[in-house]
C-alpha atoms as a PDB file:
ATOM      1  CA  MET A   1     349.988  67.236 170.035  1.00  0.00           C
ATOM      2  CA  VAL A   2     347.400  67.024 172.807  1.00  0.00           C
ATOM      3  CA  LEU A   3     347.118  63.551 174.610  1.00  0.00           C
ATOM      4  CA  THR A   4     343.813  62.977 176.568  1.00  0.00           C
ATOM      5  CA  VAL A   5     343.535  60.083 178.697  1.00  0.00           C
ATOM      6  CA  VAL A   6     339.914  59.007 179.427  1.00  0.00           C
ATOM      7  CA  GLY A   7     339.287  56.863 182.569  1.00  0.00           C
ATOM      8  CA  THR A   8     336.601  54.631 183.989  1.00  0.00           C
ATOM      9  CA  PRO A   9     334.974  56.444 186.974  1.00  0.00           C
ATOM     10  CA  THR A  10     335.262  54.835 190.363  1.00  0.00           C
ATOM     11  CA  ILE A  11     331.744  54.482 191.720  1.00  0.00           C
ATOM     12  CA  GLY A  12     330.824  53.794 195.323  1.00  0.00           C
ATOM     13  CA  ALA A  13     328.370  51.312 196.774  1.00  0.00           C
ATOM     14  CA  TRP A  14     324.716  51.598 196.148  1.00  0.00           C
ATOM     15  CA  SER A  15     322.706  49.682 198.924  1.00  0.00           C
ATOM     16  CA  ASP A  16     319.522  47.784 198.120  1.00  0.00           C
ATOM     17  CA  ILE A  17     316.318  49.058 199.679  1.00  0.00           C
ATOM     18  CA  GLU A  18     313.156  47.453 201.226  1.00  0.00           C
ATOM     19  CA  LYS A  19     309.807  49.174 201.026  1.00  0.00           C
ATOM     20  CA  VAL A  20     306.134  48.400 201.899  1.00  0.00           C
ATOM     21  CA  VAL A  21     303.210  49.013 199.597  1.00  0.00           C
ATOM     22  CA  ARG A  22     301.693  52.486 200.099  1.00  0.00           C
ATOM     23  CA  ASP A  23     305.102  53.912 201.303  1.00  0.00           C
ATOM     24  CA  PRO A  24     305.576  57.500 200.034  1.00  0.00           C
ATOM     25  CA  ASP A  25     307.670  58.459 197.041  1.00  0.00           C
ATOM     26  CA  PHE A  26     311.495  58.689 197.657  1.00  0.00           C
ATOM     27  CA  THR A  27     314.238  60.572 195.951  1.00  0.00           C
ATOM     28  CA  LEU A  28     317.126  58.450 194.650  1.00  0.00           C
ATOM     29  CA  THR A  29     320.484  59.465 195.882  1.00  0.00           C
ATOM     30  CA  PRO A  30     323.267  58.489 193.439  1.00  0.00           C
ATOM     31  CA  PRO A  31     326.326  56.838 194.754  1.00  0.00           C
ATOM     32  CA  THR A  32     329.701  58.680 195.003  1.00  0.00           C
ATOM     33  CA  SER A  33     331.793  58.786 191.815  1.00  0.00           C
ATOM     34  CA  THR A  34     335.124  60.270 190.563  1.00  0.00           C
ATOM     35  CA  SER A  35     333.194  61.599 187.521  1.00  0.00           C
ATOM     36  CA  PRO A  36     331.071  64.702 187.499  1.00  0.00           C
ATOM     37  CA  GLY A  37     328.664  63.334 184.901  1.00  0.00           C
ATOM     38  CA  ALA A  38     324.980  63.713 185.347  1.00  0.00           C
ATOM     39  CA  TRP A  39     322.914  60.800 186.624  1.00  0.00           C
ATOM     40  CA  THR A  40     319.793  59.161 185.116  1.00  0.00           C
ATOM     41  CA  PHE A  41     317.732  56.290 186.549  1.00  0.00           C
ATOM     42  CA  SER A  42     315.516  53.499 185.111  1.00  0.00           C
ATOM     43  CA  SER A  43     313.508  50.620 186.620  1.00  0.00           C
ATOM     44  CA  ASP A  44     313.107  47.198 185.088  1.00  0.00           C
ATOM     45  CA  HIS A  45     309.568  46.731 186.647  1.00  0.00           C
ATOM     46  CA  PRO A  46     307.719  50.078 186.555  1.00  0.00           C
ATOM     47  CA  GLU A  47     304.676  48.279 187.955  1.00  0.00           C
ATOM     48  CA  VAL A  48     306.695  47.748 191.203  1.00  0.00           C
ATOM     49  CA  ILE A  49     308.910  50.977 191.162  1.00  0.00           C
ATOM     50  CA  GLU A  50     308.192  53.743 188.665  1.00  0.00           C
ATOM     51  CA  ILE A  51     310.887  56.353 187.976  1.00  0.00           C
ATOM     52  CA  VAL A  52     310.134  60.010 187.341  1.00  0.00           C
ATOM     53  CA  GLY A  53     313.367  61.889 187.046  1.00  0.00           C
ATOM     54  CA  ASP A  54     315.165  61.055 190.293  1.00  0.00           C
ATOM     55  CA  VAL A  55     312.009  60.241 192.146  1.00  0.00           C
ATOM     56  CA  ALA A  56     310.961  56.577 192.803  1.00  0.00           C
ATOM     57  CA  LYS A  57     307.228  55.754 193.134  1.00  0.00           C
ATOM     58  CA  VAL A  58     306.064  52.557 195.027  1.00  0.00           C
ATOM     59  CA  LYS A  59     303.496  51.078 192.752  1.00  0.00           C
ATOM     60  CA  GLY A  60     303.089  47.442 193.711  1.00  0.00           C
ATOM     61  CA  ALA A  61     304.403  44.434 195.534  1.00  0.00           C
ATOM     62  CA  GLY A  62     307.440  42.615 194.081  1.00  0.00           C
ATOM     63  CA  ARG A  63     311.141  43.326 193.117  1.00  0.00           C
ATOM     64  CA  ALA A  64     312.569  45.926 190.861  1.00  0.00           C
ATOM     65  CA  ILE A  65     316.232  46.604 189.794  1.00  0.00           C
ATOM     66  CA  ILE A  66     317.126  50.231 189.591  1.00  0.00           C
ATOM     67  CA  THR A  67     319.819  51.092 187.255  1.00  0.00           C
ATOM     68  CA  ALA A  68     321.757  54.444 187.785  1.00  0.00           C
ATOM     69  CA  THR A  69     323.665  55.567 184.639  1.00  0.00           C
ATOM     70  CA  GLN A  70     326.197  58.435 184.702  1.00  0.00           C
ATOM     71  CA  ALA A  71     326.898  60.300 181.445  1.00  0.00           C
ATOM     72  CA  ALA A  72     330.309  60.592 180.222  1.00  0.00           C
ATOM     73  CA  SER A  73     332.351  63.740 180.724  1.00  0.00           C
ATOM     74  CA  SER A  74     335.465  65.180 179.314  1.00  0.00           C
ATOM     75  CA  PHE A  75     337.919  62.730 181.050  1.00  0.00           C
ATOM     76  CA  TRP A  76     335.450  59.955 182.157  1.00  0.00           C
ATOM     77  CA  GLN A  77     333.590  57.207 180.406  1.00  0.00           C
ATOM     78  CA  VAL A  78     329.927  56.216 181.009  1.00  0.00           C
ATOM     79  CA  GLY A  79     329.404  54.738 184.459  1.00  0.00           C
ATOM     80  CA  GLU A  80     326.717  52.269 185.680  1.00  0.00           C
ATOM     81  CA  VAL A  81     325.576  50.851 189.018  1.00  0.00           C
ATOM     82  CA  LYS A  82     322.473  48.875 190.119  1.00  0.00           C
ATOM     83  CA  MET A  83     320.480  48.228 193.244  1.00  0.00           C
ATOM     84  CA  THR A  84     317.503  46.113 194.164  1.00  0.00           C
ATOM     85  CA  VAL A  85     314.323  47.525 195.736  1.00  0.00           C
ATOM     86  CA  ARG A  86     312.012  44.949 197.278  1.00  0.00           C
ATOM     87  CA  VAL A  87     308.411  46.057 198.034  1.00  0.00           C
ATOM     88  CA  TYR A  88     306.430  44.062 200.415  1.00  0.00           C
ATOM     89  CA  GLY A  89     302.724  43.982 199.861  1.00  0.00           C
ATOM     90  CA  ASP A  90     299.618  43.275 201.944  1.00  0.00           C
ATOM     91  CA  ILE A  91     298.883  39.743 202.489  1.00  0.00           C
ATOM     92  CA  PRO A  92     295.624  38.829 200.706  1.00  0.00           C
ATOM     93  CA  THR A  93     292.721  37.437 202.685  1.00  0.00           C
ATOM     94  CA  LEU A  94     291.686  34.005 201.323  1.00  0.00           C
ATOM     95  CA  GLY A  95     288.428  32.254 201.542  1.00  0.00           C
ATOM     96  CA  THR A  96     287.681  28.579 202.146  1.00  0.00           C
ATOM     97  CA  PHE A  97     289.384  26.006 199.862  1.00  0.00           C
ATOM     98  CA  ALA A  98     286.678  23.425 199.086  1.00  0.00           C
ATOM     99  CA  PRO A  99     287.682  19.704 199.159  1.00  0.00           C
ATOM    100  CA  ILE A 100     287.916  17.755 196.037  1.00  0.00           C
ATOM    101  CA  GLU A 101     286.517  14.264 195.382  1.00  0.00           C
ATOM    102  CA  GLY A 102     286.609  12.151 192.260  1.00  0.00           C
ATOM    103  CA  GLY A 103     286.743   8.782 190.743  1.00  0.00           C
ATOM    104  CA  VAL A 104     289.954   7.029 189.274  1.00  0.00           C
ATOM    105  CA  GLY A 105     289.976   7.439 185.480  1.00  0.00           C
ATOM    106  CA  ASP A 106     287.376  10.265 185.552  1.00  0.00           C
ATOM    107  CA  ASP A 107     287.884  13.438 183.659  1.00  0.00           C
ATOM    108  CA  PRO A 108     290.348  16.185 185.165  1.00  0.00           C
ATOM    109  CA  ILE A 109     288.501  18.205 187.746  1.00  0.00           C
ATOM    110  CA  LEU A 110     289.046  21.971 187.408  1.00  0.00           C
ATOM    111  CA  ILE A 111     290.319  23.432 190.689  1.00  0.00           C
ATOM    112  CA  THR A 112     288.196  26.169 192.080  1.00  0.00           C
ATOM    113  CA  ALA A 113     290.436  28.696 193.815  1.00  0.00           C
ATOM    114  CA  PRO A 114     289.638  30.342 197.005  1.00  0.00           C
ATOM    115  CA  THR A 115     288.223  33.752 197.051  1.00  0.00           C
ATOM    116  CA  SER A 116     291.029  36.576 197.408  1.00  0.00           C
ATOM    117  CA  ASP A 117     291.570  40.240 197.505  1.00  0.00           C
ATOM    118  CA  SER A 118     294.438  39.797 195.050  1.00  0.00           C
ATOM    119  CA  LYS A 119     294.337  38.989 191.482  1.00  0.00           C
ATOM    120  CA  GLY A 120     297.651  37.001 191.501  1.00  0.00           C
ATOM    121  CA  THR A 121     297.976  33.621 189.611  1.00  0.00           C
ATOM    122  CA  TRP A 122     297.765  30.414 191.639  1.00  0.00           C
ATOM    123  CA  SER A 123     300.244  27.545 192.146  1.00  0.00           C
ATOM    124  CA  TYR A 124     299.121  24.181 193.212  1.00  0.00           C
ATOM    125  CA  SER A 125     300.798  20.914 194.392  1.00  0.00           C
ATOM    126  CA  SER A 126     299.484  17.497 195.623  1.00  0.00           C
ATOM    127  CA  SER A 127     301.173  15.796 198.467  1.00  0.00           C
ATOM    128  CA  ASN A 128     300.502  12.232 197.388  1.00  0.00           C
ATOM    129  CA  ARG A 129     301.076  11.735 193.587  1.00  0.00           C
ATOM    130  CA  LYS A 130     299.908   8.180 193.598  1.00  0.00           C
ATOM    131  CA  VAL A 131     296.364   9.489 194.443  1.00  0.00           C
ATOM    132  CA  ALA A 132     296.266  12.688 192.377  1.00  0.00           C
ATOM    133  CA  ILE A 133     298.399  15.073 190.426  1.00  0.00           C
ATOM    134  CA  VAL A 134     297.780  18.608 189.245  1.00  0.00           C
ATOM    135  CA  LYS A 135     297.887  19.525 185.605  1.00  0.00           C
ATOM    136  CA  ASP A 136     296.971  22.762 184.005  1.00  0.00           C
ATOM    137  CA  GLY A 137     294.890  23.929 187.012  1.00  0.00           C
ATOM    138  CA  ALA A 138     293.032  20.655 187.231  1.00  0.00           C
ATOM    139  CA  VAL A 139     293.202  17.571 189.534  1.00  0.00           C
ATOM    140  CA  VAL A 140     293.691  14.208 187.937  1.00  0.00           C
ATOM    141  CA  ILE A 141     292.679  11.289 190.134  1.00  0.00           C
ATOM    142  CA  LEU A 142     295.145   8.364 189.806  1.00  0.00           C
ATOM    143  CA  GLY A 143     294.360   6.100 192.732  1.00  0.00           C
ATOM    144  CA  ILE A 144     292.221   5.408 195.778  1.00  0.00           C
ATOM    145  CA  GLY A 145     293.194   7.365 198.807  1.00  0.00           C
ATOM    146  CA  VAL A 146     293.670  10.919 200.301  1.00  0.00           C
ATOM    147  CA  SER A 147     296.109  13.653 199.317  1.00  0.00           C
ATOM    148  CA  THR A 148     296.720  17.198 200.501  1.00  0.00           C
ATOM    149  CA  LEU A 149     296.254  19.906 197.829  1.00  0.00           C
ATOM    150  CA  SER A 150     298.316  23.097 198.627  1.00  0.00           C
ATOM    151  CA  ALA A 151     297.563  26.509 196.979  1.00  0.00           C
ATOM    152  CA  THR A 152     299.534  29.614 197.010  1.00  0.00           C
ATOM    153  CA  GLN A 153     298.815  32.942 195.259  1.00  0.00           C
ATOM    154  CA  ASN A 154     301.612  34.808 193.607  1.00  0.00           C
ATOM    155  CA  PRO A 155     302.297  38.530 194.246  1.00  0.00           C
ATOM    156  CA  ALA A 156     300.108  41.002 192.254  1.00  0.00           C
ATOM    157  CA  GLY A 157     299.353  44.723 192.439  1.00  0.00           C
ATOM    158  CA  ILE A 158     299.542  45.875 196.109  1.00  0.00           C
ATOM    159  CA  TYR A 159     299.485  42.151 197.456  1.00  0.00           C
ATOM    160  CA  SER A 160     302.369  39.949 198.098  1.00  0.00           C
ATOM    161  CA  GLN A 161     302.436  36.204 198.104  1.00  0.00           C
ATOM    162  CA  SER A 162     299.525  34.806 200.020  1.00  0.00           C
ATOM    163  CA  ASN A 163     299.729  32.311 202.852  1.00  0.00           C
ATOM    164  CA  THR A 164     299.455  28.641 201.702  1.00  0.00           C
ATOM    165  CA  VAL A 165     295.860  27.262 202.051  1.00  0.00           C
ATOM    166  CA  GLN A 166     295.303  23.513 201.896  1.00  0.00           C
ATOM    167  CA  THR A 167     292.347  21.084 201.353  1.00  0.00           C
ATOM    168  CA  THR A 168     292.088  17.329 200.654  1.00  0.00           C
ATOM    169  CA  ILE A 169     291.733  15.286 197.534  1.00  0.00           C
ATOM    170  CA  THR A 170     289.860  12.077 197.902  1.00  0.00           C
ATOM    171  CA  GLY A 171     290.229   9.442 195.228  1.00  0.00           C
ATOM    172  CA  LYS A 172     287.520   6.733 195.054  1.00  0.00           C
ATOM    173  CA  GLU A 173     286.421   3.932 192.794  1.00  0.00           C
ATOM    174  CA  SER A 174     284.338   5.105 189.942  1.00  0.00           C
ATOM    175  CA  PRO A 175     280.810   3.597 189.721  1.00  0.00           C
ATOM    176  CA  VAL A 176     279.707   2.100 186.433  1.00  0.00           C
ATOM    177  CA  ALA A 177     276.760   4.074 185.059  1.00  0.00           C
ATOM    178  CA  GLY A 178     274.916   4.216 181.644  1.00  0.00           C
ATOM    179  CA  ASN A 179     273.831   7.252 179.818  1.00  0.00           C
ATOM    180  CA  PHE A 180     270.485   9.130 179.635  1.00  0.00           C
ATOM    181  CA  ALA A 181     268.366   9.353 176.440  1.00  0.00           C
ATOM    182  CA  ASN A 182     267.881  12.616 174.690  1.00  0.00           C
ATOM    183  CA  LEU A 183     264.253  13.650 174.825  1.00  0.00           C
ATOM    184  CA  LYS A 184     262.027  15.540 172.215  1.00  0.00           C
ATOM    185  CA  ILE A 185     258.731  16.991 173.461  1.00  0.00           C
ATOM    186  CA  ILE A 186     256.049  18.745 171.345  1.00  0.00           C
ATOM    187  CA  TYR A 187     255.168  21.948 173.231  1.00  0.00           C
ATOM    188  CA  GLY A 188     251.849  21.449 175.020  1.00  0.00           C
ATOM    189  CA  SER A 189     251.809  17.643 174.887  1.00  0.00           C
ATOM    190  CA  SER A 190     252.377  15.230 177.869  1.00  0.00           C
ATOM    191  CA  ILE A 191     255.803  15.264 179.330  1.00  0.00           C
ATOM    192  CA  PRO A 192     257.575  11.894 179.312  1.00  0.00           C
ATOM    193  CA  LYS A 193     259.254  10.639 182.408  1.00  0.00           C
ATOM    194  CA  ILE A 194     263.067  10.818 182.838  1.00  0.00           C
ATOM    195  CA  LEU A 195     264.348   7.212 183.011  1.00  0.00           C
ATOM    196  CA  PRO A 196     267.785   7.218 184.855  1.00  0.00           C
ATOM    197  CA  PRO A 197     270.278   4.594 183.469  1.00  0.00           C
ATOM    198  CA  ILE A 198     271.502   1.655 185.312  1.00  0.00           C
ATOM    199  CA  SER A 199     274.326   2.464 187.907  1.00  0.00           C
ATOM    200  CA  THR A 200     276.284   0.459 190.362  1.00  0.00           C
ATOM    201  CA  SER A 201     275.814   3.464 192.799  1.00  0.00           C
ATOM    202  CA  THR A 202     272.565   3.534 194.813  1.00  0.00           C
ATOM    203  CA  THR A 203     272.243   7.278 195.505  1.00  0.00           C
ATOM    204  CA  PRO A 204     269.287   9.119 193.822  1.00  0.00           C
ATOM    205  CA  TRP A 205     269.846  11.445 190.758  1.00  0.00           C
ATOM    206  CA  SER A 206     269.450  15.268 190.822  1.00  0.00           C
ATOM    207  CA  TYR A 207     268.864  17.423 187.783  1.00  0.00           C
ATOM    208  CA  GLU A 208     269.894  20.860 186.589  1.00  0.00           C
ATOM    209  CA  SER A 209     268.718  22.662 183.296  1.00  0.00           C
ATOM    210  CA  SER A 210     270.998  24.863 181.317  1.00  0.00           C
ATOM    211  CA  ASP A 211     268.011  27.030 180.106  1.00  0.00           C
ATOM    212  CA  PRO A 212     265.169  27.446 182.599  1.00  0.00           C
ATOM    213  CA  SER A 213     263.245  29.482 180.075  1.00  0.00           C
ATOM    214  CA  VAL A 214     262.942  26.325 178.060  1.00  0.00           C
ATOM    215  CA  VAL A 215     262.850  23.494 180.680  1.00  0.00           C
ATOM    216  CA  LYS A 216     262.606  23.918 184.395  1.00  0.00           C
ATOM    217  CA  ILE A 217     263.513  20.971 186.867  1.00  0.00           C
ATOM    218  CA  VAL A 218     261.463  20.875 190.059  1.00  0.00           C
ATOM    219  CA  GLY A 219     262.797  17.932 192.088  1.00  0.00           C
ATOM    220  CA  SER A 220     262.815  15.175 189.561  1.00  0.00           C
ATOM    221  CA  ALA A 221     259.970  16.530 187.503  1.00  0.00           C
ATOM    222  CA  VAL A 222     260.258  18.378 184.298  1.00  0.00           C
ATOM    223  CA  GLN A 223     258.354  21.515 183.383  1.00  0.00           C
ATOM    224  CA  VAL A 224     258.204  22.720 179.824  1.00  0.00           C
ATOM    225  CA  VAL A 225     258.205  26.519 179.806  1.00  0.00           C
ATOM    226  CA  GLY A 226     259.090  27.395 176.032  1.00  0.00           C
ATOM    227  CA  ILE A 227     260.318  26.346 172.773  1.00  0.00           C
ATOM    228  CA  GLY A 228     264.024  25.402 172.318  1.00  0.00           C
ATOM    229  CA  LEU A 229     266.802  23.181 173.512  1.00  0.00           C
ATOM    230  CA  ALA A 230     268.034  22.719 177.069  1.00  0.00           C
ATOM    231  CA  LYS A 231     271.022  20.739 178.317  1.00  0.00           C
ATOM    232  CA  ILE A 232     270.234  18.623 181.418  1.00  0.00           C
ATOM    233  CA  THR A 233     273.082  17.844 183.906  1.00  0.00           C
ATOM    234  CA  ALA A 234     272.214  14.799 186.044  1.00  0.00           C
ATOM    235  CA  ARG A 235     274.307  14.046 189.099  1.00  0.00           C
ATOM    236  CA  GLN A 236     274.520  11.026 191.384  1.00  0.00           C
ATOM    237  CA  ALA A 237     276.008  11.751 194.819  1.00  0.00           C
ATOM    238  CA  SER A 238     279.103   9.889 196.054  1.00  0.00           C
ATOM    239  CA  THR A 239     279.007   7.193 198.748  1.00  0.00           C
ATOM    240  CA  ALA A 240     281.517   6.137 201.329  1.00  0.00           C
ATOM    241  CA  THR A 241     283.301   3.933 198.721  1.00  0.00           C
ATOM    242  CA  LEU A 242     282.236   5.188 195.239  1.00  0.00           C
ATOM    243  CA  ALA A 243     282.757   8.505 193.645  1.00  0.00           C
ATOM    244  CA  GLY A 244     279.905  10.647 192.272  1.00  0.00           C
ATOM    245  CA  VAL A 245     278.543  10.347 188.755  1.00  0.00           C
ATOM    246  CA  LYS A 246     277.813  13.151 186.227  1.00  0.00           C
ATOM    247  CA  ARG A 247     275.838  12.680 182.994  1.00  0.00           C
ATOM    248  CA  THR A 248     274.328  15.058 180.463  1.00  0.00           C
ATOM    249  CA  PHE A 249     271.586  14.812 177.955  1.00  0.00           C
ATOM    250  CA  THR A 250     269.310  17.153 176.152  1.00  0.00           C
ATOM    251  CA  ILE A 251     265.590  17.961 176.056  1.00  0.00           C
ATOM    252  CA  GLN A 252     264.309  19.543 172.852  1.00  0.00           C
ATOM    253  CA  VAL A 253     260.951  21.334 172.892  1.00  0.00           C
ATOM    254  CA  LEU A 254     259.470  21.472 169.458  1.00  0.00           C
ATOM    255  CA  VAL A 255     256.855  23.613 167.840  1.00  0.00           C
ATOM    256  CA  PRO A 256     253.451  22.184 167.703  1.00  0.00           C
ATOM    257  CA  SER A 257     252.112  21.548 164.292  1.00  0.00           C
ATOM    258  CA  GLY A 258     248.799  22.567 162.961  1.00  0.00           C
ATOM    259  CA  PRO A 259     245.489  20.682 163.640  1.00  0.00           C
ATOM    260  CA  THR A 260     245.046  17.407 161.759  1.00  0.00           C
ATOM    261  CA  PRO A 261     241.612  17.225 160.204  1.00  0.00           C
ATOM    262  CA  LYS A 262     239.553  14.056 161.133  1.00  0.00           C
ATOM    263  CA  PRO A 263     238.233  11.926 158.264  1.00  0.00           C
ATOM    264  CA  THR A 264     234.551  11.584 157.825  1.00  0.00           C
ATOM    265  CA  THR A 265     232.784   8.164 157.018  1.00  0.00           C
ATOM    266  CA  LYS A 266     231.466   9.509 153.793  1.00  0.00           C
ATOM    267  CA  PRO A 267     233.055  12.223 151.675  1.00  0.00           C
ATOM    268  CA  THR A 268     230.844  15.397 151.377  1.00  0.00           C
ATOM    269  CA  ALA A 269     230.458  17.385 148.339  1.00  0.00           C
ATOM    270  CA  THR A 270     232.570  20.414 147.868  1.00  0.00           C
ATOM    271  CA  PRO A 271     230.247  23.547 147.421  1.00  0.00           C
ATOM    272  CA  SER A 272     230.883  25.522 144.358  1.00  0.00           C
ATOM    273  CA  PRO A 273     232.174  28.888 145.335  1.00  0.00           C
ATOM    274  CA  THR A 274     230.058  31.952 144.298  1.00  0.00           C
ATOM    275  CA  PRO A 275     232.206  34.257 142.281  1.00  0.00           C
ATOM    276  CA  THR A 276     232.416  37.896 143.323  1.00  0.00           C
ATOM    277  CA  SER A 277     232.732  41.010 140.975  1.00  0.00           C
ATOM    278  CA  GLN A 278     236.372  41.387 142.154  1.00  0.00           C
ATOM    279  CA  PRO A 279     238.693  38.648 143.649  1.00  0.00           C
ATOM    280  CA  GLY A 280     239.195  39.142 147.430  1.00  0.00           C
ATOM    281  CA  ALA A 281     242.714  40.119 148.752  1.00  0.00           C
ATOM    282  CA  LYS A 282     244.971  37.381 150.244  1.00  0.00           C
ATOM    283  CA  PRO A 283     245.513  37.929 153.920  1.00  0.00           C
ATOM    284  CA  VAL A 284     248.852  39.273 154.765  1.00  0.00           C
ATOM    285  CA  VAL A 285     250.557  38.604 158.131  1.00  0.00           C
ATOM    286  CA  LYS A 286     253.442  40.619 159.363  1.00  0.00           C
ATOM    287  CA  VAL A 287     255.423  40.073 162.616  1.00  0.00           C
ATOM    288  CA  SER A 288     258.166  42.504 163.640  1.00  0.00           C
ATOM    289  CA  VAL A 289     260.421  42.746 166.868  1.00  0.00           C
ATOM    290  CA  LEU A 290     261.764  45.997 168.180  1.00  0.00           C
ATOM    291  CA  ASN A 291     263.672  45.779 171.501  1.00  0.00           C
ATOM    292  CA  ARG A 292     261.265  43.646 173.555  1.00  0.00           C
ATOM    293  CA  VAL A 293     258.009  44.570 171.723  1.00  0.00           C
ATOM    294  CA  LEU A 294     256.814  41.984 169.200  1.00  0.00           C
ATOM    295  CA  THR A 295     254.015  43.475 166.870  1.00  0.00           C
ATOM    296  CA  ILE A 296     251.632  41.159 164.949  1.00  0.00           C
ATOM    297  CA  SER A 297     249.630  42.804 162.025  1.00  0.00           C
ATOM    298  CA  VAL A 298     247.099  40.999 159.804  1.00  0.00           C
ATOM    299  CA  THR A 299     245.523  42.631 156.863  1.00  0.00           C
ATOM    300  CA  GLY A 300     242.638  41.222 154.766  1.00  0.00           C
ATOM    301  CA  ALA A 301     241.117  38.911 157.358  1.00  0.00           C
ATOM    302  CA  ASN A 302     240.157  38.570 161.032  1.00  0.00           C
ATOM    303  CA  ALA A 303     242.841  36.563 162.779  1.00  0.00           C
ATOM    304  CA  THR A 304     243.792  35.154 166.180  1.00  0.00           C
ATOM    305  CA  ALA A 305     247.219  34.772 167.554  1.00  0.00           C
ATOM    306  CA  THR A 306     249.054  32.902 170.323  1.00  0.00           C
ATOM    307  CA  ILE A 307     252.499  33.266 171.879  1.00  0.00           C
ATOM    308  CA  ASN A 308     253.917  30.077 173.462  1.00  0.00           C
ATOM    309  CA  GLY A 309     250.355  28.767 173.521  1.00  0.00           C
ATOM    310  CA  SER A 310     248.809  31.744 175.204  1.00  0.00           C
ATOM    311  CA  LYS A 311     246.456  34.212 173.531  1.00  0.00           C
ATOM    312  CA  ALA A 312     248.387  37.300 172.057  1.00  0.00           C
ATOM    313  CA  ASN A 313     247.361  40.730 170.831  1.00  0.00           C
ATOM    314  CA  ILE A 314     247.069  41.538 167.242  1.00  0.00           C
ATOM    315  CA  GLY A 315     249.271  44.527 167.653  1.00  0.00           C
ATOM    316  CA  LYS A 316     251.969  45.137 170.193  1.00  0.00           C
ATOM    317  CA  ASN A 317     253.070  42.521 172.728  1.00  0.00           C
ATOM    318  CA  THR A 318     255.830  43.246 175.393  1.00  0.00           C
ATOM    319  CA  LEU A 319     257.739  40.086 176.351  1.00  0.00           C
ATOM    320  CA  LYS A 320     260.476  39.199 178.650  1.00  0.00           C
ATOM    321  CA  PRO A 321     263.850  37.712 177.324  1.00  0.00           C
ATOM    322  CA  GLY A 322     263.443  34.183 175.973  1.00  0.00           C
ATOM    323  CA  LEU A 323     262.351  32.071 173.123  1.00  0.00           C
ATOM    324  CA  TYR A 324     258.811  32.474 171.746  1.00  0.00           C
ATOM    325  CA  ILE A 325     256.648  30.639 169.160  1.00  0.00           C
ATOM    326  CA  VAL A 326     254.233  32.785 167.393  1.00  0.00           C
ATOM    327  CA  ILE A 327     251.171  31.152 165.699  1.00  0.00           C
ATOM    328  CA  VAL A 328     248.547  33.195 163.754  1.00  0.00           C
ATOM    329  CA  SER A 329     245.280  31.446 162.695  1.00  0.00           C
ATOM    330  CA  ILE A 330     242.523  32.573 160.320  1.00  0.00           C
ATOM    331  CA  ALA A 331     239.263  30.592 160.676  1.00  0.00           C
ATOM    332  CA  LYS A 332     241.051  28.124 162.983  1.00  0.00           C
ATOM    333  CA  LYS A 333     243.544  27.436 160.305  1.00  0.00           C
ATOM    334  CA  ILE A 334     247.287  28.081 161.063  1.00  0.00           C
ATOM    335  CA  VAL A 335     248.582  30.427 158.495  1.00  0.00           C
ATOM    336  CA  PHE A 336     251.731  31.770 160.138  1.00  0.00           C
ATOM    337  CA  SER A 337     254.233  29.929 162.551  1.00  0.00           C
ATOM    338  CA  LYS A 338     257.628  31.243 163.629  1.00  0.00           C
ATOM    339  CA  THR A 339     259.977  31.178 166.573  1.00  0.00           C
ATOM    340  CA  TYR A 340     261.662  34.498 167.787  1.00  0.00           C
ATOM    341  CA  ARG A 341     264.328  35.059 170.376  1.00  0.00           C
ATOM    342  CA  ILE A 342     263.874  38.242 172.684  1.00  0.00           C
ATOM    343  CA  LYS A 343     267.096  39.454 174.097  1.00  0.00           C
END
């Protein structure tokens, strides 16, 4: 009978390593062992340290645990040892961190992070939770006063954790303000005046259009440009004691209808049509769009066309991106009206 005794190998110390992003590759030297078994290596974070054979490649900032595994031999069991490699990255360059101001009870204010070389995620904290707290990347104003908002960017890629950057959160009383009325405007008609709602704040309102191809805002005046719907954002700036106000409303620009005939004082007799040898063909209007070229064709009659109120070609019309109303008339009578969006 042969009795084989298999032992657990005695493995020497394997020291932790510190590296810096952009350091060259390095060869892993296994620790001493009483076993002659072959060694293999693995990394739990390849985005920090990548292992190719027995060569470690520095990939990014962070920490990786390298596991060295020794294969079993005739008289020794499998052995294992670990070490930590910490890689320090570049400190990202951060831009300015804009202060935040809001009213008590207002909707949460989304935090705009400073510009940064890194793509790491951000962590935020408020120094005075009676004034404001941070929830899901937004500031919630709870009281009147000032709090310090601190931001730190976590490691990512070749960048380590950023320095902490700070700004202020100012909580103010929210003014009481009404809402704007939505407006409907017929294209080509006179433009109604925007009537701001009653507000306990005295600062003037400013306006911004979501679609300048439909409605442009110049100062406090509205300019109608095309057919469609634009969302208008109205803002009232803050004062020393009151927070700013934001309201939204819509301006819808509608397609103009055809001309309305004027009644005469006395009805006139309708002339009897003179029959022709063959009935005339009914006019046919076709409009097609290819890329940014809108083609109008009319067969069976002489016609005129307009695009957004301006004279258009019977044929090809090259347009910029936007919303366009095409109207075709025969003998001053509208026979075709449709809206097209050019992308």
